[in-house]
Amino acid sequence: MSERLPAHVLLLIGDEAEITTPHRDHADPERVPVARLLEETGISREELVGAKLVAVVSDDGELERFERA
């Protein structure tokens, strides 16, 4: 069964976004391709920084997808 976690986009670095979740804070954020976030959430690149998302995590701990919060 998948787990749903709150996620927050901290900043964009080139083609990657740094994202925090309850398991990865600002000291060790998850890096995710910006293109993936654009496709999965429909949020524009200009609106990504600061966006609140939902991260869907598989049973093995992999980030399956992101959704708008």
Protein backbone atom coordinates (compact mmCIF):
# COMPACT_ATOMS: atom_id res chain seq x y z
CA MET A 1 0.00 0.00 0.00
CA SER A 2 1.34 3.43 -0.92
CA GLU A 3 1.97 6.14 1.65
CA ARG A 4 1.01 9.77 1.03
CA LEU A 5 3.26 12.43 2.54
CA PRO A 6 3.15 16.21 2.54
CA ALA A 7 5.96 17.67 0.42
CA HIS A 8 7.25 21.21 -0.12
CA VAL A 9 9.33 22.56 -3.00
CA LEU A 10 12.23 24.53 -1.49
CA LEU A 11 13.98 25.73 -4.61
CA LEU A 12 14.96 24.96 -8.17
CA ILE A 13 18.55 24.32 -9.22
CA GLY A 14 18.73 24.15 -12.99
CA ASP A 15 16.59 21.20 -14.06
CA GLU A 16 16.14 19.82 -10.53
CA ALA A 17 13.90 20.76 -7.63
CA GLU A 18 14.78 20.29 -3.96
CA ILE A 19 11.83 18.90 -2.04
CA THR A 20 11.30 18.27 1.66
CA THR A 21 9.07 15.61 3.19
CA PRO A 22 8.68 14.40 6.78
CA HIS A 23 11.51 11.93 6.00
CA ARG A 24 13.84 14.40 4.20
CA ASP A 25 14.23 17.88 5.69
CA HIS A 26 15.99 20.99 4.36
CA ALA A 27 19.41 19.64 5.37
CA ASP A 28 18.97 16.59 3.09
CA PRO A 29 16.20 17.34 0.56
CA GLU A 30 15.08 14.99 -2.16
CA ARG A 31 16.15 16.08 -5.66
CA VAL A 32 13.55 15.56 -8.37
CA PRO A 33 13.59 16.56 -12.05
CA VAL A 34 11.55 19.72 -12.61
CA ALA A 35 10.07 18.19 -15.78
CA ARG A 36 8.63 15.36 -13.71
CA LEU A 37 6.93 17.78 -11.31
CA LEU A 38 5.53 19.85 -14.18
CA GLU A 39 4.08 16.74 -15.83
CA GLU A 40 2.69 15.10 -12.68
CA THR A 41 1.25 18.20 -10.96
CA GLY A 42 0.42 20.57 -13.82
CA ILE A 43 1.96 23.42 -11.81
CA SER A 44 3.94 25.89 -13.91
CA ARG A 45 7.70 26.20 -13.38
CA GLU A 46 7.21 29.78 -12.15
CA GLU A 47 4.88 28.55 -9.39
CA LEU A 48 6.90 25.52 -8.23
CA VAL A 49 9.08 27.21 -5.62
CA GLY A 50 7.10 27.19 -2.40
CA ALA A 51 4.45 24.81 -3.76
CA LYS A 52 2.88 22.35 -1.35
CA LEU A 53 2.55 18.89 -2.83
CA VAL A 54 1.64 15.35 -1.87
CA ALA A 55 4.34 12.74 -2.45
CA VAL A 56 3.09 9.22 -3.07
CA VAL A 57 5.67 6.74 -1.80
CA SER A 58 5.69 3.05 -2.71
CA ASP A 59 6.09 0.25 -0.18
CA ASP A 60 9.81 0.08 -0.99
CA GLY A 61 10.26 3.80 -0.22
CA GLU A 62 10.46 5.04 -3.83
CA LEU A 63 8.71 8.26 -4.83
CA GLU A 64 6.01 7.05 -7.21
CA ARG A 65 4.51 10.40 -8.10
CA PHE A 66 3.66 13.89 -6.93
CA GLU A 67 0.23 15.53 -6.76
CA ARG A 68 -1.07 18.98 -5.94
CA ALA A 69 -1.84 19.31 -2.25
